[in-house]
């Protein structure tokens, strides 16, 4: 049995730990609100746009506990994605069949519609990061902010740079679906990418470590490496031939190098495959050839699916999407926000509690004996006496600040109440024709004198009169023709505006 630690340090630490625990409890209690995500009730219907079908998942959360209320899949008569009107009608039917009431509506779009990438920005952009993403979106993605839905999240930062995960999609592809749903009285509050939802599903099942996920069907594969910091590396490709061995070689060539790189860095990635509408033999060949631990969706415990539900009927993109909307640890993206992340406001409950506490403190103040207040006042007077020297220093510094401020005002007035010499030279240079030149220019506080040669001196006066800097432009001496130069020699004087 280990000996008890009776040292003075341990004895002092124990009360401190108790006080710290009480402080944390009070802090959480003060900031508790009925709308807090930890206790608030929330229900979401997630719609996943998939090739050949529309998938739905209805989930709810209360006290941080997620429950799947139901799911539906509607296959389409034709390959490809559902038309907006079909999706809106199907959504209305699902809400009626599941008795969902009025949940939040979230929409998942295919990965092929979106750009998902990791970007780096200077740390100085942190304060106005939302505006920076908006201004830089056309540089970071193929889309302008006016024509796209987009969102981001900060996944890392250090003293010099920010690392962000950015996702964006063209709005004109998504808007018809939003309009069709709105015509049915259904407003979408969240848009995400199905691949991100699948990543959330994998994290929910396997934990926070790195995960390599790949979705495979008859025509190609698509997936990503999901890192613990919520960054990801998407990959994918089409199968040029239908031979299963060639398909398998292409998939293994895609994933083996990233897996080895993760293992070399000391990480043990989870590898998860989802065979969607592909042959069972290809799955078994992959199981035999991949010499690294791996699992398949459909053979795993999904945890949130109610017992007795047929896993084959579950849509994993819809399941991952509703989980991303409800799970507090998901840290998902909402493209509909266009990068605007509003800070949460302190709840009204906190204000009420603080007012009650203030009233209690006032009551204790009047009950406290007067002599204690006198001792406190004497102590304050003693401290003030000790600080008098420092106060005098502060007052001296204040006087110096006022002197510098007065000088700055004088400099500012000088700069903005008179035209600077460089501005006047620039204006004269702009006005004088290219085939004329100046031999002398004299600038005083109220007047400018020019001397030089020009093919015709008479054209200079009206041009100088038009300038906002000069007035009362006139010849200071008669002009005469220089036979050697074959030009007019002139002398012009003018006054400065505002003088």
Protein backbone atom coordinates (compact mmCIF):
# COMPACT_ATOMS: atom_id res chain seq x y z
CA UNK A 1 0.00 0.00 0.00
CA UNK A 2 1.35 3.43 -0.88
CA UNK A 3 2.24 5.72 2.00
CA UNK A 4 -0.02 8.69 2.59
CA UNK A 5 1.36 12.06 1.57
CA UNK A 6 1.26 14.23 4.70
CA UNK A 7 3.66 16.93 3.53
CA UNK A 8 2.79 20.63 4.12
CA UNK A 9 2.57 21.14 0.35
CA UNK A 10 -0.02 18.39 0.05
CA UNK A 11 -1.97 19.79 2.96
CA UNK A 12 -2.00 23.24 1.35
CA UNK A 13 -2.93 21.90 -2.06
CA UNK A 14 -6.00 20.07 -0.83
CA UNK A 15 -7.98 23.17 0.28
CA UNK A 16 -6.85 24.99 -2.86
CA UNK A 17 -8.16 22.17 -5.05
CA UNK A 18 -11.47 22.36 -3.22
CA UNK A 19 -11.71 26.13 -3.72
CA UNK A 20 -10.81 25.75 -7.39
CA UNK A 21 -13.50 23.12 -7.88
CA UNK A 22 -16.07 25.34 -6.19
CA UNK A 23 -14.99 28.26 -8.40
CA UNK A 24 -15.38 26.22 -11.59
CA UNK A 25 -18.81 25.06 -10.47
CA UNK A 26 -19.94 28.63 -9.75
CA UNK A 27 -18.54 29.81 -13.08
CA UNK A 28 -20.49 27.18 -14.99
CA UNK A 29 -23.62 27.92 -12.98
CA UNK A 30 -23.40 31.68 -13.57
CA UNK A 31 -23.09 31.24 -17.31
CA UNK A 32 -25.76 28.57 -17.60
CA UNK A 33 -28.66 29.38 -19.89
CA UNK A 34 -31.73 27.38 -20.93
CA UNK A 35 -30.47 27.84 -24.51
CA UNK A 36 -27.03 26.44 -23.71
CA UNK A 37 -25.96 23.72 -26.15
CA UNK A 38 -25.18 21.38 -23.24
CA UNK A 39 -28.80 21.16 -22.07
CA UNK A 40 -30.89 22.59 -24.92
CA UNK A 41 -33.28 20.37 -26.87
CA UNK A 42 -32.65 20.28 -30.59
CA UNK A 43 -34.11 18.26 -33.44
CA UNK A 44 -32.65 18.11 -36.95
CA UNK A 45 -33.73 16.48 -40.21
CA UNK A 46 -30.72 15.96 -42.45
CA UNK A 47 -31.20 15.60 -46.22
CA UNK A 48 -28.34 13.96 -48.13
CA UNK A 49 -28.20 14.50 -51.88
CA UNK A 50 -26.70 11.28 -53.23
CA UNK A 51 -26.32 9.77 -56.67
CA UNK A 52 -29.41 7.68 -57.40
CA UNK A 53 -31.25 8.43 -54.14
CA UNK A 54 -32.33 10.96 -51.52
CA UNK A 55 -31.51 10.02 -47.93
CA UNK A 56 -32.97 11.37 -44.71
CA UNK A 57 -32.03 11.06 -41.06
CA UNK A 58 -33.98 12.56 -38.17
CA UNK A 59 -32.18 13.01 -34.88
CA UNK A 60 -32.56 14.89 -31.62
CA UNK A 61 -30.33 15.95 -28.74
CA UNK A 62 -31.05 16.84 -25.14
CA UNK A 63 -28.56 17.05 -22.28
CA UNK A 64 -25.85 16.26 -24.85
CA UNK A 65 -27.43 12.88 -25.60
CA UNK A 66 -28.13 12.15 -29.27
CA UNK A 67 -30.98 9.91 -30.39
CA UNK A 68 -31.78 8.82 -33.93
CA UNK A 69 -35.55 9.12 -34.37
CA UNK A 70 -35.79 7.67 -37.87
CA UNK A 71 -34.37 7.50 -41.38
CA UNK A 72 -35.63 7.08 -44.93
CA UNK A 73 -34.14 6.45 -48.37
CA UNK A 74 -35.95 7.21 -51.62
CA UNK A 75 -34.30 5.67 -54.73
CA UNK A 76 -34.59 7.65 -57.96
CA UNK A 77 -35.91 6.31 -61.22
CA UNK A 78 -32.96 7.77 -63.14
CA UNK A 79 -29.26 7.90 -62.25
CA UNK A 80 -27.81 11.15 -60.95
CA UNK A 81 -29.10 13.59 -58.37
CA UNK A 82 -32.71 14.40 -57.55
CA UNK A 83 -34.39 17.44 -59.05
CA UNK A 84 -35.24 20.25 -56.58
CA UNK A 85 -39.00 19.67 -56.80
CA UNK A 86 -38.58 15.94 -56.13
CA UNK A 87 -36.39 16.61 -53.11
CA UNK A 88 -38.85 19.15 -51.65
CA UNK A 89 -41.84 16.82 -52.10
CA UNK A 90 -39.95 13.88 -50.60
CA UNK A 91 -38.91 15.98 -47.61
CA UNK A 92 -42.48 16.98 -46.88
CA UNK A 93 -43.54 13.30 -47.04
CA UNK A 94 -40.73 12.21 -44.70
CA UNK A 95 -41.69 14.83 -42.12
CA UNK A 96 -45.27 13.59 -42.20
CA UNK A 97 -44.33 9.90 -42.04
CA UNK A 98 -41.89 10.35 -39.15
CA UNK A 99 -44.13 12.79 -37.28
CA UNK A 100 -41.15 15.10 -36.99
CA UNK A 101 -43.03 18.37 -36.46
CA UNK A 102 -40.86 21.40 -37.30
CA UNK A 103 -37.22 20.37 -36.90
CA UNK A 104 -34.17 22.24 -38.17
CA UNK A 105 -33.48 21.35 -41.80
CA UNK A 106 -29.91 20.59 -42.88
CA UNK A 107 -28.81 19.79 -46.43
CA UNK A 108 -25.79 17.73 -47.46
CA UNK A 109 -24.32 18.21 -50.94
CA UNK A 110 -21.99 15.89 -52.90
CA UNK A 111 -18.23 16.35 -52.60
CA UNK A 112 -18.07 17.00 -56.37
CA UNK A 113 -19.99 20.26 -55.83
CA UNK A 114 -17.58 21.63 -53.26
CA UNK A 115 -13.98 22.71 -52.85
CA UNK A 116 -12.47 21.61 -49.52
CA UNK A 117 -8.94 22.68 -48.75
CA UNK A 118 -6.56 23.68 -45.98
CA UNK A 119 -5.27 27.27 -46.20
CA UNK A 120 -2.78 29.33 -44.23
CA UNK A 121 -3.08 33.04 -43.40
CA UNK A 122 -0.97 35.45 -41.33
CA UNK A 123 -1.81 35.54 -37.62
CA UNK A 124 -2.61 39.26 -38.01
CA UNK A 125 -5.84 38.30 -39.81
CA UNK A 126 -7.28 36.58 -36.72
CA UNK A 127 -9.18 39.63 -35.45
CA UNK A 128 -11.09 40.08 -38.75
CA UNK A 129 -10.83 36.54 -40.07
CA UNK A 130 -14.41 36.39 -41.43
CA UNK A 131 -13.91 39.56 -43.53
CA UNK A 132 -10.51 38.32 -44.72
CA UNK A 133 -11.99 35.01 -45.92
CA UNK A 134 -14.69 36.93 -47.80
CA UNK A 135 -12.15 39.23 -49.48
CA UNK A 136 -9.76 36.36 -50.30
CA UNK A 137 -12.32 33.73 -51.35
CA UNK A 138 -11.83 34.27 -55.10
CA UNK A 139 -8.09 33.74 -54.58
CA UNK A 140 -8.42 30.70 -52.35
CA UNK A 141 -11.20 29.00 -54.36
CA UNK A 142 -12.64 29.21 -57.90
CA UNK A 143 -15.64 31.16 -56.55
CA UNK A 144 -16.46 34.78 -55.76
CA UNK A 145 -18.13 35.42 -52.38
CA UNK A 146 -21.28 36.70 -54.14
CA UNK A 147 -21.72 33.43 -56.05
CA UNK A 148 -20.81 30.90 -53.36
CA UNK A 149 -21.83 29.37 -50.06
CA UNK A 150 -18.79 28.86 -47.84
CA UNK A 151 -17.53 28.42 -44.30
CA UNK A 152 -14.27 27.83 -42.46
CA UNK A 153 -12.88 26.81 -39.10
CA UNK A 154 -9.52 27.46 -37.49
CA UNK A 155 -7.70 24.16 -36.96
CA UNK A 156 -4.36 25.50 -35.77
CA UNK A 157 -2.55 28.73 -34.96
CA UNK A 158 0.89 29.79 -33.81
CA UNK A 159 2.81 33.04 -33.43
CA UNK A 160 3.00 33.64 -37.19
CA UNK A 161 0.11 31.98 -39.01
CA UNK A 162 -3.39 30.56 -38.90
CA UNK A 163 -4.31 27.23 -40.45
CA UNK A 164 -7.93 26.90 -41.57
CA UNK A 165 -10.17 24.32 -43.16
CA UNK A 166 -12.19 26.04 -45.91
CA UNK A 167 -15.14 24.64 -47.85
CA UNK A 168 -17.05 26.42 -50.62
CA UNK A 169 -19.66 25.56 -53.28
CA UNK A 170 -21.41 27.40 -56.10
CA UNK A 171 -24.66 28.96 -54.92
CA UNK A 172 -26.46 28.57 -58.25
CA UNK A 173 -26.34 24.77 -57.86
CA UNK A 174 -27.82 24.86 -54.36
CA UNK A 175 -30.28 27.77 -54.63
CA UNK A 176 -32.92 25.81 -56.63
CA UNK A 177 -33.14 23.25 -53.81
CA UNK A 178 -33.42 25.96 -51.15
CA UNK A 179 -36.15 27.68 -53.17
CA UNK A 180 -38.10 24.44 -53.72
CA UNK A 181 -37.97 23.60 -50.01
CA UNK A 182 -38.98 27.14 -49.07
CA UNK A 183 -42.04 26.84 -51.31
CA UNK A 184 -43.05 23.88 -49.14
CA UNK A 185 -42.61 26.01 -46.03
CA UNK A 186 -39.27 24.39 -45.17
CA UNK A 187 -36.29 26.64 -44.53
CA UNK A 188 -32.80 25.18 -44.59
CA UNK A 189 -30.64 26.37 -41.68
CA UNK A 190 -27.49 24.40 -42.47
CA UNK A 191 -25.55 23.28 -45.56
CA UNK A 192 -22.60 20.92 -45.38
CA UNK A 193 -20.71 18.46 -47.58
CA UNK A 194 -21.54 14.76 -47.32
CA UNK A 195 -17.85 13.85 -47.06
CA UNK A 196 -17.51 16.02 -43.93
CA UNK A 197 -20.48 14.25 -42.38
CA UNK A 198 -18.92 10.87 -43.12
CA UNK A 199 -15.75 12.07 -41.40
CA UNK A 200 -17.79 13.06 -38.35
CA UNK A 201 -19.44 9.62 -38.32
CA UNK A 202 -16.01 7.94 -38.39
CA UNK A 203 -14.76 10.12 -35.52
CA UNK A 204 -17.89 9.39 -33.51
CA UNK A 205 -17.30 5.65 -33.91
CA UNK A 206 -13.51 5.44 -33.67
CA UNK A 207 -12.44 8.44 -31.57
CA UNK A 208 -10.10 11.37 -32.18
CA UNK A 209 -7.16 9.62 -33.93
CA UNK A 210 -6.35 9.93 -37.66
CA UNK A 211 -8.81 8.13 -39.93
CA UNK A 212 -8.53 7.17 -43.58
CA UNK A 213 -12.00 6.81 -45.07
CA UNK A 214 -12.86 5.74 -48.62
CA UNK A 215 -16.23 5.31 -50.34
CA UNK A 216 -16.12 2.89 -53.28
CA UNK A 217 -18.74 2.21 -55.94
CA UNK A 218 -18.75 0.73 -59.44
CA UNK A 219 -17.42 3.84 -61.15
CA UNK A 220 -14.82 5.19 -58.75
CA UNK A 221 -13.82 6.01 -55.20
CA UNK A 222 -13.80 9.07 -52.97
CA UNK A 223 -12.51 9.72 -49.49
CA UNK A 224 -10.19 11.65 -47.23
CA UNK A 225 -7.65 11.39 -44.45
CA UNK A 226 -9.23 13.01 -41.39
CA UNK A 227 -6.63 14.30 -38.94
CA UNK A 228 -7.20 14.83 -35.19
CA UNK A 229 -6.96 18.64 -35.62
CA UNK A 230 -10.03 18.49 -37.96
CA UNK A 231 -7.93 19.08 -41.07
CA UNK A 232 -8.38 16.66 -43.95
CA UNK A 233 -6.75 15.54 -47.18
CA UNK A 234 -9.43 14.58 -49.73
CA UNK A 235 -8.71 12.15 -52.54
CA UNK A 236 -10.68 10.33 -55.20
CA UNK A 237 -10.71 9.03 -58.73
CA UNK A 238 -12.66 7.22 -61.42
CA UNK A 239 -12.05 3.65 -62.56
CA UNK A 240 -10.89 3.73 -66.20
CA UNK A 241 -11.60 0.00 -66.59
CA UNK A 242 -14.12 -2.36 -64.98
CA UNK A 243 -11.67 -5.16 -64.19
CA UNK A 244 -11.73 -5.69 -60.42
CA UNK A 245 -7.98 -6.30 -60.11
CA UNK A 246 -7.25 -2.97 -61.82
CA UNK A 247 -9.76 -1.21 -59.53
CA UNK A 248 -8.14 -2.73 -56.47
CA UNK A 249 -4.63 -1.80 -57.64
CA UNK A 250 -5.76 1.80 -58.14
CA UNK A 251 -7.33 2.02 -54.66
CA UNK A 252 -4.30 0.50 -52.94
CA UNK A 253 -1.92 2.80 -54.81
CA UNK A 254 -3.98 5.75 -53.57
CA UNK A 255 -4.05 4.85 -49.88
CA UNK A 256 -0.85 2.90 -49.13
CA UNK A 257 1.54 5.89 -49.22
CA UNK A 258 -0.60 8.10 -46.90
CA UNK A 259 -1.00 5.18 -44.48
CA UNK A 260 2.74 4.57 -44.39
CA UNK A 261 3.41 8.30 -43.89
CA UNK A 262 1.06 8.39 -40.88
CA UNK A 263 2.65 5.28 -39.38
CA UNK A 264 6.14 6.68 -39.93
CA UNK A 265 5.16 9.81 -37.96
CA UNK A 266 4.17 7.60 -35.02
CA UNK A 267 0.40 7.61 -35.62
CA UNK A 268 -1.83 4.57 -35.94
CA UNK A 269 -4.59 5.52 -38.36
CA UNK A 270 -7.96 3.80 -38.50
CA UNK A 271 -8.86 2.65 -42.02
CA UNK A 272 -12.56 2.47 -42.90
CA UNK A 273 -14.13 1.53 -46.25
CA UNK A 274 -17.67 1.89 -47.48
CA UNK A 275 -18.51 -0.29 -50.47
CA UNK A 276 -21.49 1.41 -52.08
CA UNK A 277 -23.17 -0.46 -54.93
CA UNK A 278 -20.03 -2.45 -55.78
CA UNK A 279 -19.42 -6.17 -56.05
CA UNK A 280 -18.83 -8.32 -52.98
CA UNK A 281 -15.82 -9.97 -54.61
CA UNK A 282 -13.96 -6.62 -54.81
CA UNK A 283 -14.56 -6.15 -51.11
CA UNK A 284 -13.19 -9.59 -50.29
CA UNK A 285 -10.13 -9.04 -52.49
CA UNK A 286 -9.40 -5.79 -50.66
CA UNK A 287 -9.83 -7.56 -47.33
CA UNK A 288 -7.27 -10.18 -48.44
CA UNK A 289 -4.68 -7.86 -50.00
CA UNK A 290 -4.58 -4.93 -47.56
CA UNK A 291 -2.05 -5.94 -44.92
CA UNK A 292 -3.08 -3.21 -42.49
CA UNK A 293 -5.95 -3.18 -39.97
CA UNK A 294 -9.18 -1.99 -41.56
CA UNK A 295 -12.97 -2.11 -41.14
CA UNK A 296 -16.07 -1.75 -43.29
CA UNK A 297 -19.15 0.37 -42.71
CA UNK A 298 -22.03 -2.05 -42.42
CA UNK A 299 -19.99 -4.36 -40.21
CA UNK A 300 -19.37 -1.81 -37.43
CA UNK A 301 -21.37 -0.85 -34.36
CA UNK A 302 -22.76 2.60 -35.19
CA UNK A 303 -23.76 3.22 -31.52
CA UNK A 304 -26.42 5.80 -32.30
CA UNK A 305 -28.61 3.51 -34.47
CA UNK A 306 -31.46 2.07 -32.35
CA UNK A 307 -31.35 -1.69 -31.75
CA UNK A 308 -33.29 -3.74 -34.27
CA UNK A 309 -32.76 -1.30 -37.14
CA UNK A 310 -31.46 -2.78 -40.38
CA UNK A 311 -28.02 -1.25 -40.99
CA UNK A 312 -28.38 -1.89 -44.72
CA UNK A 313 -31.24 0.60 -44.81
CA UNK A 314 -29.16 3.33 -43.13
CA UNK A 315 -27.69 6.09 -45.28
CA UNK A 316 -24.24 6.83 -43.89
CA UNK A 317 -24.02 10.36 -45.38
CA UNK A 318 -27.38 11.26 -43.80
CA UNK A 319 -26.38 9.63 -40.52
CA UNK A 320 -23.06 11.51 -40.49
CA UNK A 321 -24.79 14.76 -41.44
CA UNK A 322 -27.32 14.65 -38.61
CA UNK A 323 -24.51 13.72 -36.24
CA UNK A 324 -22.45 16.70 -37.42
CA UNK A 325 -25.43 18.98 -36.71
CA UNK A 326 -26.10 17.60 -33.20
CA UNK A 327 -22.79 16.36 -31.76
CA UNK A 328 -21.12 19.06 -29.67
CA UNK A 329 -17.64 17.74 -30.55
CA UNK A 330 -18.28 17.67 -34.30
CA UNK A 331 -16.98 21.19 -35.03
CA UNK A 332 -18.68 21.05 -38.41
CA UNK A 333 -19.03 23.64 -41.17
CA UNK A 334 -22.19 25.46 -42.24
CA UNK A 335 -21.75 26.79 -45.79
CA UNK A 336 -24.96 28.77 -45.43
CA UNK A 337 -23.26 31.04 -42.88
CA UNK A 338 -20.83 32.40 -45.50
CA UNK A 339 -18.10 32.49 -42.88
CA UNK A 340 -19.99 34.64 -40.38
CA UNK A 341 -19.37 33.29 -36.89
CA UNK A 342 -21.37 35.18 -34.31
CA UNK A 343 -20.13 35.25 -30.75
CA UNK A 344 -22.55 33.94 -28.19
CA UNK A 345 -24.00 36.49 -25.81
CA UNK A 346 -24.07 36.13 -22.07
CA UNK A 347 -27.44 34.76 -20.96
CA UNK A 348 -29.95 36.94 -19.11
CA UNK A 349 -29.77 34.49 -16.20
CA UNK A 350 -26.24 35.67 -15.49
CA UNK A 351 -27.40 39.29 -15.20
CA UNK A 352 -30.17 38.34 -12.78
CA UNK A 353 -27.79 36.34 -10.60
CA UNK A 354 -25.25 39.17 -10.54
CA UNK A 355 -27.92 41.67 -9.47
CA UNK A 356 -28.98 39.36 -6.66
CA UNK A 357 -25.36 38.99 -5.60
CA UNK A 358 -24.90 42.76 -5.65
CA UNK A 359 -27.91 43.26 -3.41
CA UNK A 360 -26.54 40.69 -0.97
CA UNK A 361 -23.17 42.45 -0.91
CA UNK A 362 -24.84 45.80 -0.20
CA UNK A 363 -26.73 44.23 2.67
CA UNK A 364 -23.52 42.76 4.10
CA UNK A 365 -21.82 46.15 3.76
CA UNK A 366 -24.33 47.89 6.01
CA UNK A 367 -24.24 45.07 8.53
CA UNK A 368 -20.42 45.12 8.76
CA UNK A 369 -19.15 47.02 11.87
CA UNK A 370 -18.02 50.61 11.33
CA UNK A 371 -14.62 50.09 12.95
CA UNK A 372 -13.64 47.57 10.26
CA UNK A 373 -14.35 50.22 7.62
CA UNK A 374 -12.30 52.76 9.59
CA UNK A 375 -9.31 50.39 9.68
CA UNK A 376 -9.66 49.85 5.95
CA UNK A 377 -9.77 53.61 5.37
CA UNK A 378 -6.62 54.11 7.48
CA UNK A 379 -4.88 51.43 5.49
CA UNK A 380 -5.87 53.15 2.24
CA UNK A 381 -4.57 56.51 3.49
CA UNK A 382 -1.26 54.87 4.39
CA UNK A 383 -1.00 53.42 0.88
CA UNK A 384 -1.84 56.80 -0.67
CA UNK A 385 0.94 58.46 1.32
CA UNK A 386 3.40 55.86 0.04
CA UNK A 387 2.31 56.44 -3.53
CA UNK A 388 2.59 60.23 -3.57
CA UNK A 389 6.03 60.17 -5.18
CA UNK A 390 4.76 57.89 -7.94
CA UNK A 391 1.71 60.13 -8.42
CA UNK A 392 3.98 63.14 -8.95
CA UNK A 393 5.91 61.21 -11.59
CA UNK A 394 2.67 60.31 -13.32
CA UNK A 395 1.56 63.96 -13.34
CA UNK A 396 4.90 64.96 -14.88
CA UNK A 397 4.44 62.36 -17.61
CA UNK A 398 0.92 63.67 -18.24
CA UNK A 399 2.30 67.17 -18.77
CA UNK A 400 4.84 65.83 -21.26
CA UNK A 401 2.06 63.99 -23.07
CA UNK A 402 0.01 67.19 -23.32
CA UNK A 403 3.05 69.05 -24.72
CA UNK A 404 3.63 66.39 -27.37
CA UNK A 405 -0.08 66.37 -28.20
CA UNK A 406 -0.04 70.15 -28.74
CA UNK A 407 2.94 69.82 -31.07
CA UNK A 408 1.15 67.09 -33.01
CA UNK A 409 -1.88 69.37 -33.43
CA UNK A 410 0.38 72.15 -34.79
CA UNK A 411 2.01 69.72 -37.24
CA UNK A 412 -1.39 68.39 -38.31
CA UNK A 413 -2.75 71.91 -38.87
CA UNK A 414 0.35 72.88 -40.86
CA UNK A 415 0.07 69.77 -43.00
CA UNK A 416 -3.63 70.11 -43.82
CA UNK A 417 -4.05 73.89 -44.08
CA UNK A 418 -1.48 74.58 -46.76
CA UNK A 419 -0.59 72.87 -49.97
CA UNK A 420 2.70 70.99 -49.75
CA UNK A 421 5.52 71.93 -52.12
CA UNK A 422 5.54 68.47 -53.70
CA UNK A 423 1.82 68.73 -54.46
CA UNK A 424 2.39 72.11 -56.17
CA UNK A 425 5.32 70.78 -58.22
CA UNK A 426 3.22 67.78 -59.25
CA UNK A 427 0.37 70.08 -60.32
CA UNK A 428 2.65 72.37 -62.36
CA UNK A 429 4.24 69.33 -64.03
CA UNK A 430 0.79 68.04 -64.96
CA UNK A 431 -0.34 71.36 -66.48
CA UNK A 432 2.76 72.46 -68.42
CA UNK A 433 2.70 70.85 -71.92
CA UNK A 434 5.30 68.25 -72.82
CA UNK A 435 6.86 70.53 -75.48
CA UNK A 436 7.50 73.33 -72.94
CA UNK A 437 9.99 73.55 -70.10
CA UNK A 438 10.68 75.61 -67.06
CA UNK A 439 13.94 77.38 -66.30
CA UNK A 440 12.91 78.54 -62.87
CA UNK A 441 10.14 78.03 -60.33
CA UNK A 442 9.83 79.95 -57.08
CA UNK A 443 7.31 78.96 -54.41
CA UNK A 444 6.56 81.19 -51.42
CA UNK A 445 3.87 80.95 -48.76
CA UNK A 446 1.27 82.75 -50.89
CA UNK A 447 2.64 82.93 -54.44
CA UNK A 448 4.26 80.87 -57.21
CA UNK A 449 6.46 82.34 -60.01
CA UNK A 450 7.27 80.39 -63.19
CA UNK A 451 9.81 81.15 -65.91
CA UNK A 452 10.45 79.08 -69.00
CA UNK A 453 9.88 78.50 -72.71
CA UNK A 454 6.80 77.32 -74.55
CA UNK A 455 5.69 77.21 -78.20
CA UNK A 456 2.81 79.51 -77.20
CA UNK A 457 2.89 81.15 -73.77
CA UNK A 458 -0.68 82.37 -73.97
CA UNK A 459 -2.14 78.84 -73.55
CA UNK A 460 -0.53 78.43 -70.14
CA UNK A 461 -2.57 81.06 -68.30
CA UNK A 462 -6.06 79.49 -68.79
CA UNK A 463 -4.72 76.03 -67.94
CA UNK A 464 -3.19 77.29 -64.73
CA UNK A 465 -6.41 79.14 -63.88
CA UNK A 466 -8.32 75.84 -64.07
CA UNK A 467 -6.17 74.29 -61.32
CA UNK A 468 -7.66 74.06 -57.83
CA UNK A 469 -4.32 75.22 -56.38
CA UNK A 470 -3.89 78.59 -58.22
CA UNK A 471 -5.74 81.85 -58.73
CA UNK A 472 -5.07 85.29 -60.24
CA UNK A 473 -2.74 83.87 -62.87
CA UNK A 474 -1.03 86.56 -64.98
CA UNK A 475 2.19 87.37 -66.84
CA UNK A 476 4.78 88.96 -64.58
CA UNK A 477 6.63 90.42 -67.61
CA UNK A 478 6.03 90.75 -71.34
CA UNK A 479 6.65 87.59 -73.32
CA UNK A 480 9.02 87.66 -76.28
CA UNK A 481 10.03 85.24 -78.98
CA UNK A 482 13.46 83.71 -78.64
CA UNK A 483 14.74 83.29 -82.21
CA UNK A 484 17.34 80.71 -81.20
CA UNK A 485 14.83 78.50 -79.45
CA UNK A 486 11.97 79.47 -81.76
CA UNK A 487 9.78 79.61 -78.63
CA UNK A 488 8.13 82.18 -76.35
CA UNK A 489 10.00 83.08 -73.20
CA UNK A 490 7.51 83.76 -70.41
CA UNK A 491 7.26 84.79 -66.76
CA UNK A 492 4.05 83.94 -64.94
CA UNK A 493 3.00 84.72 -61.39
CA UNK A 494 -0.04 83.38 -59.51
CA UNK A 495 -1.42 83.21 -56.02
CA UNK A 496 -2.18 80.06 -54.02
CA UNK A 497 -5.78 79.23 -53.27
CA UNK A 498 -6.77 79.87 -49.67
CA UNK A 499 -4.14 82.59 -49.23
